[in-house]
PDB file of N, CA and C in Angstrom:
ATOM      1  N   SER A   1       0.843  -1.185   0.000  1.00  0.00           N
ATOM      2  CA  SER A   1       0.000   0.000   0.000  1.00  0.00           C
ATOM      3  C   SER A   1       0.890   1.253   0.000  1.00  0.00           C
ATOM      4  N   PHE A   2       0.333   2.325  -0.485  1.00  0.00           N
ATOM      5  CA  PHE A   2       1.074   3.578  -0.581  1.00  0.00           C
ATOM      6  C   PHE A   2       0.603   4.561   0.487  1.00  0.00           C
ATOM      7  N   PRO A   3       1.544   5.117   1.248  1.00  0.00           N
ATOM      8  CA  PRO A   3       1.148   6.189   2.165  1.00  0.00           C
ATOM      9  C   PRO A   3       0.827   7.451   1.369  1.00  0.00           C
ATOM     10  N   ASP A   4       0.208   8.432   1.999  1.00  0.00           N
ATOM     11  CA  ASP A   4      -0.115   9.689   1.308  1.00  0.00           C
ATOM     12  C   ASP A   4       1.137  10.340   0.742  1.00  0.00           C
ATOM     13  N   ARG A   5       2.197  10.360   1.529  1.00  0.00           N
ATOM     14  CA  ARG A   5       3.485  10.893   1.045  1.00  0.00           C
ATOM     15  C   ARG A   5       4.433   9.709   0.933  1.00  0.00           C
ATOM     16  N   CYS A   6       4.902   9.432  -0.282  1.00  0.00           N
ATOM     17  CA  CYS A   6       5.737   8.242  -0.486  1.00  0.00           C
ATOM     18  C   CYS A   6       6.942   8.511  -1.385  1.00  0.00           C
ATOM     19  N   TRP A   7       7.226   9.778  -1.716  1.00  0.00           N
ATOM     20  CA  TRP A   7       8.342  10.129  -2.594  1.00  0.00           C
ATOM     21  C   TRP A   7       9.459  10.783  -1.798  1.00  0.00           C
ATOM     22  N   ASN A   8      10.710  10.560  -2.249  1.00  0.00           N
ATOM     23  CA  ASN A   8      11.827  11.280  -1.632  1.00  0.00           C
ATOM     24  C   ASN A   8      11.788  12.736  -2.081  1.00  0.00           C
ATOM     25  N   SER A   9      12.697  13.558  -1.552  1.00  0.00           N
ATOM     26  CA  SER A   9      12.643  15.001  -1.819  1.00  0.00           C
ATOM     27  C   SER A   9      12.910  15.351  -3.282  1.00  0.00           C
ATOM     28  N   SER A  10      13.654  14.511  -4.002  1.00  0.00           N
ATOM     29  CA  SER A  10      13.928  14.792  -5.419  1.00  0.00           C
ATOM     30  C   SER A  10      12.809  14.296  -6.335  1.00  0.00           C
ATOM     31  N   GLY A  11      11.885  13.496  -5.794  1.00  0.00           N
ATOM     32  CA  GLY A  11      10.798  12.961  -6.601  1.00  0.00           C
ATOM     33  C   GLY A  11      11.239  11.830  -7.526  1.00  0.00           C
ATOM     34  N   GLU A  12      12.399  11.241  -7.261  1.00  0.00           N
ATOM     35  CA  GLU A  12      12.916  10.172  -8.117  1.00  0.00           C
ATOM     36  C   GLU A  12      12.719   8.779  -7.533  1.00  0.00           C
ATOM     37  N   LYS A  13      12.433   8.684  -6.239  1.00  0.00           N
ATOM     38  CA  LYS A  13      12.285   7.381  -5.599  1.00  0.00           C
ATOM     39  C   LYS A  13      10.943   7.307  -4.872  1.00  0.00           C
ATOM     40  N   LEU A  14      10.277   6.176  -5.057  1.00  0.00           N
ATOM     41  CA  LEU A  14       8.979   5.889  -4.467  1.00  0.00           C
ATOM     42  C   LEU A  14       9.167   4.807  -3.409  1.00  0.00           C
ATOM     43  N   TYR A  15       8.576   4.984  -2.230  1.00  0.00           N
ATOM     44  CA  TYR A  15       8.708   4.031  -1.121  1.00  0.00           C
ATOM     45  C   TYR A  15       7.327   3.534  -0.716  1.00  0.00           C
ATOM     46  N   PHE A  16       7.213   2.218  -0.531  1.00  0.00           N
ATOM     47  CA  PHE A  16       5.939   1.636  -0.118  1.00  0.00           C
ATOM     48  C   PHE A  16       6.196   0.266   0.503  1.00  0.00           C
ATOM     49  N   SER A  17       5.158  -0.328   1.055  1.00  0.00           N
ATOM     50  CA  SER A  17       5.242  -1.660   1.663  1.00  0.00           C
ATOM     51  C   SER A  17       4.634  -2.677   0.711  1.00  0.00           C
ATOM     52  N   ASP A  18       5.211  -3.885   0.709  1.00  0.00           N
ATOM     53  CA  ASP A  18       4.739  -4.943  -0.169  1.00  0.00           C
ATOM     54  C   ASP A  18       4.932  -6.282   0.529  1.00  0.00           C
ATOM     55  N   THR A  19       4.023  -7.196   0.283  1.00  0.00           N
ATOM     56  CA  THR A  19       4.155  -8.527   0.847  1.00  0.00           C
ATOM     57  C   THR A  19       5.114  -9.334  -0.007  1.00  0.00           C
ATOM     58  N   GLN A  20       6.153  -9.845   0.640  1.00  0.00           N
ATOM     59  CA  GLN A  20       7.176 -10.668  -0.014  1.00  0.00           C
ATOM     60  C   GLN A  20       7.162 -12.010   0.699  1.00  0.00           C
ATOM     61  N   LYS A  21       6.664 -13.040   0.013  1.00  0.00           N
ATOM     62  CA  LYS A  21       6.429 -14.351   0.622  1.00  0.00           C
ATOM     63  C   LYS A  21       5.452 -14.140   1.774  1.00  0.00           C
ATOM     64  N   SER A  22       5.817 -14.404   3.015  1.00  0.00           N
ATOM     65  CA  SER A  22       4.870 -14.210   4.117  1.00  0.00           C
ATOM     66  C   SER A  22       5.261 -13.032   5.009  1.00  0.00           C
ATOM     67  N   LEU A  23       6.110 -12.139   4.499  1.00  0.00           N
ATOM     68  CA  LEU A  23       6.560 -10.977   5.260  1.00  0.00           C
ATOM     69  C   LEU A  23       6.139  -9.693   4.550  1.00  0.00           C
ATOM     70  N   VAL A  24       6.067  -8.610   5.291  1.00  0.00           N
ATOM     71  CA  VAL A  24       5.812  -7.302   4.694  1.00  0.00           C
ATOM     72  C   VAL A  24       7.137  -6.547   4.696  1.00  0.00           C
ATOM     73  N   GLN A  25       7.583  -6.136   3.513  1.00  0.00           N
ATOM     74  CA  GLN A  25       8.880  -5.487   3.337  1.00  0.00           C
ATOM     75  C   GLN A  25       8.701  -4.069   2.820  1.00  0.00           C
ATOM     76  N   ILE A  26       9.731  -3.233   3.001  1.00  0.00           N
ATOM     77  CA  ILE A  26       9.749  -1.888   2.440  1.00  0.00           C
ATOM     78  C   ILE A  26      10.461  -1.942   1.090  1.00  0.00           C
ATOM     79  N   VAL A  27       9.823  -1.345   0.089  1.00  0.00           N
ATOM     80  CA  VAL A  27      10.323  -1.380  -1.281  1.00  0.00           C
ATOM     81  C   VAL A  27      10.640   0.043  -1.734  1.00  0.00           C
ATOM     82  N   CYS A  28      11.720   0.165  -2.511  1.00  0.00           N
ATOM     83  CA  CYS A  28      12.079   1.438  -3.137  1.00  0.00           C
ATOM     84  C   CYS A  28      12.106   1.228  -4.646  1.00  0.00           C
ATOM     85  N   VAL A  29      11.450   2.125  -5.382  1.00  0.00           N
ATOM     86  CA  VAL A  29      11.481   2.101  -6.837  1.00  0.00           C
ATOM     87  C   VAL A  29      12.131   3.400  -7.295  1.00  0.00           C
ATOM     88  N   ASP A  30      13.232   3.278  -8.029  1.00  0.00           N
ATOM     89  CA  ASP A  30      13.897   4.437  -8.617  1.00  0.00           C
ATOM     90  C   ASP A  30      13.322   4.613 -10.017  1.00  0.00           C
ATOM     91  N   ILE A  31      12.567   5.690 -10.233  1.00  0.00           N
ATOM     92  CA  ILE A  31      11.904   5.862 -11.528  1.00  0.00           C
ATOM     93  C   ILE A  31      12.858   6.345 -12.611  1.00  0.00           C
ATOM     94  N   VAL A  32      14.056   6.808 -12.236  1.00  0.00           N
ATOM     95  CA  VAL A  32      15.040   7.237 -13.225  1.00  0.00           C
ATOM     96  C   VAL A  32      15.784   6.033 -13.798  1.00  0.00           C
ATOM     97  N   THR A  33      16.252   5.139 -12.923  1.00  0.00           N
ATOM     98  CA  THR A  33      17.027   3.967 -13.357  1.00  0.00           C
ATOM     99  C   THR A  33      16.168   2.718 -13.545  1.00  0.00           C
ATOM    100  N   CYS A  34      14.893   2.799 -13.156  1.00  0.00           N
ATOM    101  CA  CYS A  34      13.955   1.661 -13.235  1.00  0.00           C
ATOM    102  C   CYS A  34      14.392   0.494 -12.348  1.00  0.00           C
ATOM    103  N   GLN A  35      15.085   0.783 -11.243  1.00  0.00           N
ATOM    104  CA  GLN A  35      15.497  -0.254 -10.293  1.00  0.00           C
ATOM    105  C   GLN A  35      14.443  -0.405  -9.207  1.00  0.00           C
ATOM    106  N   VAL A  36      14.273  -1.640  -8.745  1.00  0.00           N
ATOM    107  CA  VAL A  36      13.383  -1.955  -7.635  1.00  0.00           C
ATOM    108  C   VAL A  36      14.208  -2.692  -6.596  1.00  0.00           C
ATOM    109  N   LYS A  37      14.101  -2.287  -5.328  1.00  0.00           N
ATOM    110  CA  LYS A  37      14.899  -2.937  -4.289  1.00  0.00           C
ATOM    111  C   LYS A  37      14.079  -3.067  -3.008  1.00  0.00           C
ATOM    112  N   TYR A  38      14.158  -4.265  -2.402  1.00  0.00           N
ATOM    113  CA  TYR A  38      13.571  -4.493  -1.076  1.00  0.00           C
ATOM    114  C   TYR A  38      14.600  -4.027  -0.056  1.00  0.00           C
ATOM    115  N   LEU A  39      14.265  -3.007   0.710  1.00  0.00           N
ATOM    116  CA  LEU A  39      15.230  -2.389   1.619  1.00  0.00           C
ATOM    117  C   LEU A  39      15.339  -3.091   2.970  1.00  0.00           C
ATOM    118  N   THR A  40      14.373  -3.934   3.314  1.00  0.00           N
ATOM    119  CA  THR A  40      14.359  -4.566   4.635  1.00  0.00           C
ATOM    120  C   THR A  40      14.589  -6.074   4.579  1.00  0.00           C
ATOM    121  N   SER A  41      15.010  -6.595   3.452  1.00  0.00           N
ATOM    122  CA  SER A  41      15.135  -8.047   3.304  1.00  0.00           C
ATOM    123  C   SER A  41      16.239  -8.647   4.173  1.00  0.00           C
ATOM    124  N   GLU A  42      17.215  -7.852   4.590  1.00  0.00           N
ATOM    125  CA  GLU A  42      18.316  -8.361   5.422  1.00  0.00           C
ATOM    126  C   GLU A  42      18.090  -8.110   6.913  1.00  0.00           C
ATOM    127  N   LEU A  43      16.994  -7.471   7.275  1.00  0.00           N
ATOM    128  CA  LEU A  43      16.699  -7.196   8.690  1.00  0.00           C
ATOM    129  C   LEU A  43      15.967  -8.378   9.314  1.00  0.00           C
ATOM    130  N   LYS A  44      15.755  -8.311  10.631  1.00  0.00           N
ATOM    131  CA  LYS A  44      15.039  -9.402  11.283  1.00  0.00           C
ATOM    132  C   LYS A  44      13.634  -9.519  10.689  1.00  0.00           C
ATOM    133  N   GLU A  45      13.151 -10.763  10.634  1.00  0.00           N
ATOM    134  CA  GLU A  45      11.879 -11.020   9.998  1.00  0.00           C
ATOM    135  C   GLU A  45      10.738 -10.388  10.770  1.00  0.00           C
ATOM    136  N   GLY A  46       9.762  -9.905  10.042  1.00  0.00           N
ATOM    137  CA  GLY A  46       8.597  -9.278  10.630  1.00  0.00           C
ATOM    138  C   GLY A  46       7.888  -8.447   9.583  1.00  0.00           C
ATOM    139  N   SER A  47       7.103  -7.512  10.047  1.00  0.00           N
ATOM    140  CA  SER A  47       6.301  -6.667   9.174  1.00  0.00           C
ATOM    141  C   SER A  47       6.809  -5.229   9.257  1.00  0.00           C
ATOM    142  N   TYR A  48       7.225  -4.675   8.122  1.00  0.00           N
ATOM    143  CA  TYR A  48       7.707  -3.294   8.019  1.00  0.00           C
ATOM    144  C   TYR A  48       6.724  -2.529   7.138  1.00  0.00           C
ATOM    145  N   VAL A  49       6.070  -1.527   7.690  1.00  0.00           N
ATOM    146  CA  VAL A  49       5.046  -0.790   6.948  1.00  0.00           C
ATOM    147  C   VAL A  49       5.413   0.688   6.906  1.00  0.00           C
ATOM    148  N   VAL A  50       5.526   1.237   5.685  1.00  0.00           N
ATOM    149  CA  VAL A  50       5.825   2.661   5.508  1.00  0.00           C
ATOM    150  C   VAL A  50       4.597   3.470   5.906  1.00  0.00           C
ATOM    151  N   LEU A  51       4.791   4.437   6.811  1.00  0.00           N
ATOM    152  CA  LEU A  51       3.704   5.309   7.239  1.00  0.00           C
ATOM    153  C   LEU A  51       3.772   6.682   6.576  1.00  0.00           C
ATOM    154  N   ASP A  52       5.002   7.198   6.380  1.00  0.00           N
ATOM    155  CA  ASP A  52       5.161   8.532   5.810  1.00  0.00           C
ATOM    156  C   ASP A  52       6.593   8.711   5.307  1.00  0.00           C
ATOM    157  N   VAL A  53       6.745   9.515   4.251  1.00  0.00           N
ATOM    158  CA  VAL A  53       8.058   9.899   3.747  1.00  0.00           C
ATOM    159  C   VAL A  53       8.018  11.408   3.555  1.00  0.00           C
ATOM    160  N   ASN A  54       8.960  12.120   4.201  1.00  0.00           N
ATOM    161  CA  ASN A  54       8.991  13.574   4.096  1.00  0.00           C
ATOM    162  C   ASN A  54      10.428  14.055   4.282  1.00  0.00           C
ATOM    163  N   GLU A  55      10.891  14.900   3.358  1.00  0.00           N
ATOM    164  CA  GLU A  55      12.247  15.470   3.433  1.00  0.00           C
ATOM    165  C   GLU A  55      13.306  14.392   3.651  1.00  0.00           C
ATOM    166  N   ASP A  56      13.179  13.289   2.922  1.00  0.00           N
ATOM    167  CA  ASP A  56      14.124  12.162   2.965  1.00  0.00           C
ATOM    168  C   ASP A  56      14.211  11.473   4.327  1.00  0.00           C
ATOM    169  N   ILE A  57      13.143  11.580   5.095  1.00  0.00           N
ATOM    170  CA  ILE A  57      13.002  10.829   6.347  1.00  0.00           C
ATOM    171  C   ILE A  57      11.779   9.928   6.189  1.00  0.00           C
ATOM    172  N   MET A  58      11.961   8.637   6.469  1.00  0.00           N
ATOM    173  CA  MET A  58      10.848   7.695   6.415  1.00  0.00           C
ATOM    174  C   MET A  58      10.409   7.353   7.827  1.00  0.00           C
ATOM    175  N   VAL A  59       9.111   7.365   8.059  1.00  0.00           N
ATOM    176  CA  VAL A  59       8.531   6.883   9.307  1.00  0.00           C
ATOM    177  C   VAL A  59       7.850   5.566   8.965  1.00  0.00           C
ATOM    178  N   PHE A  60       8.176   4.523   9.725  1.00  0.00           N
ATOM    179  CA  PHE A  60       7.613   3.204   9.445  1.00  0.00           C
ATOM    180  C   PHE A  60       7.350   2.456  10.733  1.00  0.00           C
ATOM    181  N   ARG A  61       6.518   1.412  10.618  1.00  0.00           N
ATOM    182  CA  ARG A  61       6.169   0.575  11.768  1.00  0.00           C
ATOM    183  C   ARG A  61       6.767  -0.812  11.569  1.00  0.00           C
ATOM    184  N   TYR A  62       7.311  -1.368  12.651  1.00  0.00           N
ATOM    185  CA  TYR A  62       7.803  -2.743  12.642  1.00  0.00           C
ATOM    186  C   TYR A  62       7.033  -3.524  13.701  1.00  0.00           C
ATOM    187  N   ALA A  63       6.660  -4.753  13.382  1.00  0.00           N
ATOM    188  CA  ALA A  63       6.028  -5.646  14.354  1.00  0.00           C
ATOM    189  C   ALA A  63       6.303  -7.083  13.926  1.00  0.00           C
ATOM    190  N   SER A  64       6.187  -7.993  14.879  1.00  0.00           N
ATOM    191  CA  SER A  64       6.314  -9.424  14.603  1.00  0.00           C
ATOM    192  C   SER A  64       5.409 -10.160  15.585  1.00  0.00           C
ATOM    193  N   PRO A  65       5.234 -11.465  15.420  1.00  0.00           N
ATOM    194  CA  PRO A  65       4.395 -12.195  16.373  1.00  0.00           C
ATOM    195  C   PRO A  65       4.887 -12.109  17.818  1.00  0.00           C
ATOM    196  N   SER A  66       6.180 -11.886  18.016  1.00  0.00           N
ATOM    197  CA  SER A  66       6.718 -11.818  19.377  1.00  0.00           C
ATOM    198  C   SER A  66       7.096 -10.400  19.797  1.00  0.00           C
ATOM    199  N   GLN A  67       6.785  -9.409  18.971  1.00  0.00           N
ATOM    200  CA  GLN A  67       7.165  -8.019  19.263  1.00  0.00           C
ATOM    201  C   GLN A  67       5.992  -7.099  18.963  1.00  0.00           C
ATOM    202  N   SER A  68       5.600  -6.329  19.953  1.00  0.00           N
ATOM    203  CA  SER A  68       4.527  -5.365  19.704  1.00  0.00           C
ATOM    204  C   SER A  68       5.043  -4.281  18.755  1.00  0.00           C
ATOM    205  N   PRO A  69       4.146  -3.564  18.095  1.00  0.00           N
ATOM    206  CA  PRO A  69       4.574  -2.572  17.099  1.00  0.00           C
ATOM    207  C   PRO A  69       5.474  -1.473  17.671  1.00  0.00           C
ATOM    208  N   ILE A  70       6.462  -1.088  16.874  1.00  0.00           N
ATOM    209  CA  ILE A  70       7.365   0.014  17.194  1.00  0.00           C
ATOM    210  C   ILE A  70       7.363   0.943  15.990  1.00  0.00           C
ATOM    211  N   ILE A  71       7.302   2.236  16.229  1.00  0.00           N
ATOM    212  CA  ILE A  71       7.361   3.203  15.145  1.00  0.00           C
ATOM    213  C   ILE A  71       8.752   3.821  15.135  1.00  0.00           C
ATOM    214  N   TYR A  72       9.375   3.790  13.952  1.00  0.00           N
ATOM    215  CA  TYR A  72      10.740   4.271  13.767  1.00  0.00           C
ATOM    216  C   TYR A  72      10.784   5.387  12.730  1.00  0.00           C
ATOM    217  N   ALA A  73      11.847   6.192  12.797  1.00  0.00           N
ATOM    218  CA  ALA A  73      12.212   7.127  11.728  1.00  0.00           C
ATOM    219  C   ALA A  73      13.582   6.720  11.226  1.00  0.00           C
ATOM    220  N   ASN A  74      13.818   6.913   9.930  1.00  0.00           N
ATOM    221  CA  ASN A  74      15.099   6.543   9.339  1.00  0.00           C
ATOM    222  C   ASN A  74      15.399   7.487   8.179  1.00  0.00           C
ATOM    223  N   LYS A  75      16.632   7.998   8.124  1.00  0.00           N
ATOM    224  CA  LYS A  75      17.042   8.844   6.996  1.00  0.00           C
ATOM    225  C   LYS A  75      17.231   7.958   5.781  1.00  0.00           C
ATOM    226  N   LEU A  76      16.683   8.373   4.650  1.00  0.00           N
ATOM    227  CA  LEU A  76      16.758   7.577   3.428  1.00  0.00           C
ATOM    228  C   LEU A  76      18.120   7.701   2.775  1.00  0.00           C
ATOM    229  N   SER A  77      18.603   6.598   2.245  1.00  0.00           N
ATOM    230  CA  SER A  77      19.875   6.572   1.533  1.00  0.00           C
ATOM    231  C   SER A  77      19.652   7.039   0.096  1.00  0.00           C
ATOM    232  N   PRO A  78      20.510   7.919  -0.422  1.00  0.00           N
ATOM    233  CA  PRO A  78      20.354   8.341  -1.820  1.00  0.00           C
ATOM    234  C   PRO A  78      20.714   7.240  -2.811  1.00  0.00           C
ATOM    235  N   THR A  79      21.351   6.153  -2.338  1.00  0.00           N
ATOM    236  CA  THR A  79      21.806   5.092  -3.242  1.00  0.00           C
ATOM    237  C   THR A  79      21.031   3.786  -3.096  1.00  0.00           C
ATOM    238  N   MET A  80      19.859   3.817  -2.504  1.00  0.00           N
ATOM    239  CA  MET A  80      19.010   2.621  -2.353  1.00  0.00           C
ATOM    240  C   MET A  80      19.698   1.507  -1.566  1.00  0.00           C
ATOM    241  N   GLU A  81      20.484   1.844  -0.559  1.00  0.00           N
ATOM    242  CA  GLU A  81      21.139   0.826   0.272  1.00  0.00           C
ATOM    243  C   GLU A  81      20.102   0.151   1.151  1.00  0.00           C
ATOM    244  N   GLU A  82      20.418  -1.090   1.546  1.00  0.00           N
ATOM    245  CA  GLU A  82      19.575  -1.793   2.516  1.00  0.00           C
ATOM    246  C   GLU A  82      19.491  -0.963   3.784  1.00  0.00           C
ATOM    247  N   MET A  83      18.329  -0.990   4.435  1.00  0.00           N
ATOM    248  CA  MET A  83      18.177  -0.271   5.697  1.00  0.00           C
ATOM    249  C   MET A  83      18.943  -1.020   6.780  1.00  0.00           C
ATOM    250  N   LYS A  84      19.507  -0.274   7.741  1.00  0.00           N
ATOM    251  CA  LYS A  84      20.265  -0.859   8.848  1.00  0.00           C
ATOM    252  C   LYS A  84      19.596  -0.467  10.163  1.00  0.00           C
ATOM    253  N   GLU A  85      19.351  -1.472  10.987  1.00  0.00           N
ATOM    254  CA  GLU A  85      18.655  -1.243  12.246  1.00  0.00           C
ATOM    255  C   GLU A  85      19.403  -0.248  13.141  1.00  0.00           C
ATOM    256  N   SER A  86      20.712  -0.200  13.026  1.00  0.00           N
ATOM    257  CA  SER A  86      21.504   0.708  13.863  1.00  0.00           C
ATOM    258  C   SER A  86      21.218   2.182  13.563  1.00  0.00           C
ATOM    259  N   SER A  87      20.647   2.464  12.396  1.00  0.00           N
ATOM    260  CA  SER A  87      20.346   3.856  12.050  1.00  0.00           C
ATOM    261  C   SER A  87      18.902   4.252  12.363  1.00  0.00           C
ATOM    262  N   PHE A  88      18.091   3.328  12.886  1.00  0.00           N
ATOM    263  CA  PHE A  88      16.695   3.628  13.202  1.00  0.00           C
ATOM    264  C   PHE A  88      16.605   4.472  14.458  1.00  0.00           C
ATOM    265  N   CYS A  89      15.671   5.402  14.457  1.00  0.00           N
ATOM    266  CA  CYS A  89      15.363   6.202  15.637  1.00  0.00           C
ATOM    267  C   CYS A  89      13.959   5.824  16.095  1.00  0.00           C
ATOM    268  N   SER A  90      13.850   5.262  17.289  1.00  0.00           N
ATOM    269  CA  SER A  90      12.558   4.829  17.808  1.00  0.00           C
ATOM    270  C   SER A  90      11.727   6.045  18.214  1.00  0.00           C
ATOM    271  N   LEU A  91      10.513   6.151  17.670  1.00  0.00           N
ATOM    272  CA  LEU A  91       9.616   7.261  18.002  1.00  0.00           C
ATOM    273  C   LEU A  91       8.577   6.858  19.027  1.00  0.00           C
ATOM    274  N   VAL A  92       7.989   5.692  18.830  1.00  0.00           N
ATOM    275  CA  VAL A  92       6.963   5.182  19.740  1.00  0.00           C
ATOM    276  C   VAL A  92       7.233   3.700  19.935  1.00  0.00           C
ATOM    277  N   THR A  93       7.246   3.288  21.174  1.00  0.00           N
ATOM    278  CA  THR A  93       7.493   1.881  21.466  1.00  0.00           C
ATOM    279  C   THR A  93       6.595   1.433  22.606  1.00  0.00           C
ATOM    280  N   SER A  94       6.511   0.154  22.805  1.00  0.00           N
ATOM    281  CA  SER A  94       5.722  -0.428  23.878  1.00  0.00           C
ATOM    282  C   SER A  94       6.660  -1.226  24.763  1.00  0.00           C
ATOM    283  N   ASN A  95       6.320  -1.342  26.012  1.00  0.00           N
ATOM    284  CA  ASN A  95       7.139  -2.140  26.925  1.00  0.00           C
ATOM    285  C   ASN A  95       6.885  -3.628  26.753  1.00  0.00           C
ATOM    286  N   PHE A  96       5.850  -3.968  26.002  1.00  0.00           N
ATOM    287  CA  PHE A  96       5.516  -5.374  25.811  1.00  0.00           C
ATOM    288  C   PHE A  96       6.439  -6.020  24.791  1.00  0.00           C
ATOM    289  N   SER A  97       7.059  -7.098  25.189  1.00  0.00           N
ATOM    290  CA  SER A  97       7.843  -7.909  24.268  1.00  0.00           C
ATOM    291  C   SER A  97       7.927  -9.309  24.848  1.00  0.00           C
ATOM    292  N   CYS A  98       7.749 -10.277  23.998  1.00  0.00           N
ATOM    293  CA  CYS A  98       7.905 -11.658  24.461  1.00  0.00           C
ATOM    294  C   CYS A  98       8.912 -12.386  23.577  1.00  0.00           C
ATOM    295  N   GLU A  99       9.864 -11.631  23.006  1.00  0.00           N
ATOM    296  CA  GLU A  99      10.869 -12.230  22.127  1.00  0.00           C
ATOM    297  C   GLU A  99      11.668 -13.315  22.827  1.00  0.00           C
ATOM    298  N   ASP A 100      11.900 -13.152  24.137  1.00  0.00           N
ATOM    299  CA  ASP A 100      12.667 -14.169  24.857  1.00  0.00           C
ATOM    300  C   ASP A 100      11.829 -15.396  25.195  1.00  0.00           C
ATOM    301  N   LYS A 101      10.486 -15.301  25.073  1.00  0.00           N
ATOM    302  CA  LYS A 101       9.614 -16.420  25.413  1.00  0.00           C
ATOM    303  C   LYS A 101       8.982 -17.076  24.197  1.00  0.00           C
ATOM    304  N   VAL A 102       8.744 -16.293  23.147  1.00  0.00           N
ATOM    305  CA  VAL A 102       8.093 -16.806  21.949  1.00  0.00           C
ATOM    306  C   VAL A 102       9.110 -16.863  20.819  1.00  0.00           C
ATOM    307  N   LYS A 103       9.274 -18.029  20.253  1.00  0.00           N
ATOM    308  CA  LYS A 103      10.166 -18.190  19.102  1.00  0.00           C
ATOM    309  C   LYS A 103       9.292 -18.475  17.887  1.00  0.00           C
ATOM    310  N   TRP A 104       9.608 -17.825  16.792  1.00  0.00           N
ATOM    311  CA  TRP A 104       8.870 -18.068  15.561  1.00  0.00           C
ATOM    312  C   TRP A 104       9.822 -18.052  14.393  1.00  0.00           C
ATOM    313  N   ARG A 105       9.427 -18.728  13.330  1.00  0.00           N
ATOM    314  CA  ARG A 105      10.247 -18.780  12.132  1.00  0.00           C
ATOM    315  C   ARG A 105       9.342 -19.130  10.955  1.00  0.00           C
ATOM    316  N   LEU A 106       9.849 -18.887   9.770  1.00  0.00           N
ATOM    317  CA  LEU A 106       9.139 -19.263   8.556  1.00  0.00           C
ATOM    318  C   LEU A 106       9.482 -20.696   8.217  1.00  0.00           C
ATOM    319  N   ILE A 107       8.481 -21.451   7.797  1.00  0.00           N
ATOM    320  CA  ILE A 107       8.753 -22.818   7.367  1.00  0.00           C
ATOM    321  C   ILE A 107       8.194 -23.001   5.957  1.00  0.00           C
ATOM    322  N   ASP A 108       8.872 -23.816   5.166  1.00  0.00           N
ATOM    323  CA  ASP A 108       8.431 -24.123   3.805  1.00  0.00           C
ATOM    324  C   ASP A 108       7.560 -25.374   3.835  1.00  0.00           C
ATOM    325  N   LEU A 109       6.417 -25.308   3.163  1.00  0.00           N
ATOM    326  CA  LEU A 109       5.516 -26.444   3.038  1.00  0.00           C
ATOM    327  C   LEU A 109       5.334 -26.754   1.565  1.00  0.00           C
ATOM    328  N   SER A 110       5.074 -28.010   1.273  1.00  0.00           N
ATOM    329  CA  SER A 110       4.796 -28.415  -0.106  1.00  0.00           C
ATOM    330  C   SER A 110       3.331 -28.788  -0.218  1.00  0.00           C
ATOM    331  N   ARG A 111       2.708 -28.388  -1.322  1.00  0.00           N
ATOM    332  CA  ARG A 111       1.294 -28.701  -1.547  1.00  0.00           C
ATOM    333  C   ARG A 111       1.161 -30.140  -2.035  1.00  0.00           C
ATOM    334  N   GLU A 112       1.709 -30.414  -3.172  1.00  0.00           N
ATOM    335  CA  GLU A 112       1.689 -31.743  -3.772  1.00  0.00           C
ATOM    336  C   GLU A 112       2.984 -31.928  -4.532  1.00  0.00           C
ATOM    337  N   GLN A 113       3.233 -33.109  -4.997  1.00  0.00           N
ATOM    338  CA  GLN A 113       4.449 -33.332  -5.769  1.00  0.00           C
ATOM    339  C   GLN A 113       4.457 -32.436  -6.996  1.00  0.00           C
ATOM    340  N   GLY A 114       5.603 -31.829  -7.265  1.00  0.00           N
ATOM    341  CA  GLY A 114       5.740 -30.966  -8.440  1.00  0.00           C
ATOM    342  C   GLY A 114       5.297 -29.539  -8.223  1.00  0.00           C
ATOM    343  N   SER A 115       4.632 -29.250  -7.125  1.00  0.00           N
ATOM    344  CA  SER A 115       4.193 -27.876  -6.857  1.00  0.00           C
ATOM    345  C   SER A 115       5.316 -27.089  -6.193  1.00  0.00           C
ATOM    346  N   GLU A 116       5.270 -25.796  -6.360  1.00  0.00           N
ATOM    347  CA  GLU A 116       6.236 -24.915  -5.711  1.00  0.00           C
ATOM    348  C   GLU A 116       5.955 -24.872  -4.207  1.00  0.00           C
ATOM    349  N   PRO A 117       6.989 -24.873  -3.371  1.00  0.00           N
ATOM    350  CA  PRO A 117       6.758 -24.746  -1.922  1.00  0.00           C
ATOM    351  C   PRO A 117       6.257 -23.345  -1.578  1.00  0.00           C
ATOM    352  N   TYR A 118       5.616 -23.206  -0.458  1.00  0.00           N
ATOM    353  CA  TYR A 118       5.169 -21.908   0.018  1.00  0.00           C
ATOM    354  C   TYR A 118       5.523 -21.784   1.491  1.00  0.00           C
ATOM    355  N   GLN A 119       5.564 -20.538   1.985  1.00  0.00           N
ATOM    356  CA  GLN A 119       5.964 -20.304   3.369  1.00  0.00           C
ATOM    357  C   GLN A 119       4.759 -19.985   4.225  1.00  0.00           C
ATOM    358  N   VAL A 120       4.824 -20.410   5.492  1.00  0.00           N
ATOM    359  CA  VAL A 120       3.836 -20.036   6.511  1.00  0.00           C
ATOM    360  C   VAL A 120       4.556 -19.614   7.750  1.00  0.00           C
TER     361      VAL A 120
END
């Protein structure tokens, strides 16, 4: 889905959230070079949803089955680099977390012989 504001300050890059397999990732589309890149594919698994993009700052929400939602701000890279958790600024967080008690992971399942596997 697209937030109301989803362009960088130069108007050359579009940012939005997209479902990739069973995760929600942040995507950047460079309309000048026609490149598409998933910016959160190397981060911990969960749901990353773009809320707003303004003056090259992105506000987004992260959540997972074992982590309550956290709202972050992050300065956008002019070169479409993967996002790094160390550069996130937490804006709103909750004290609730059960990461140490609840473990979750993606597993591949097969439908029938010859079918492509899918994740749950």
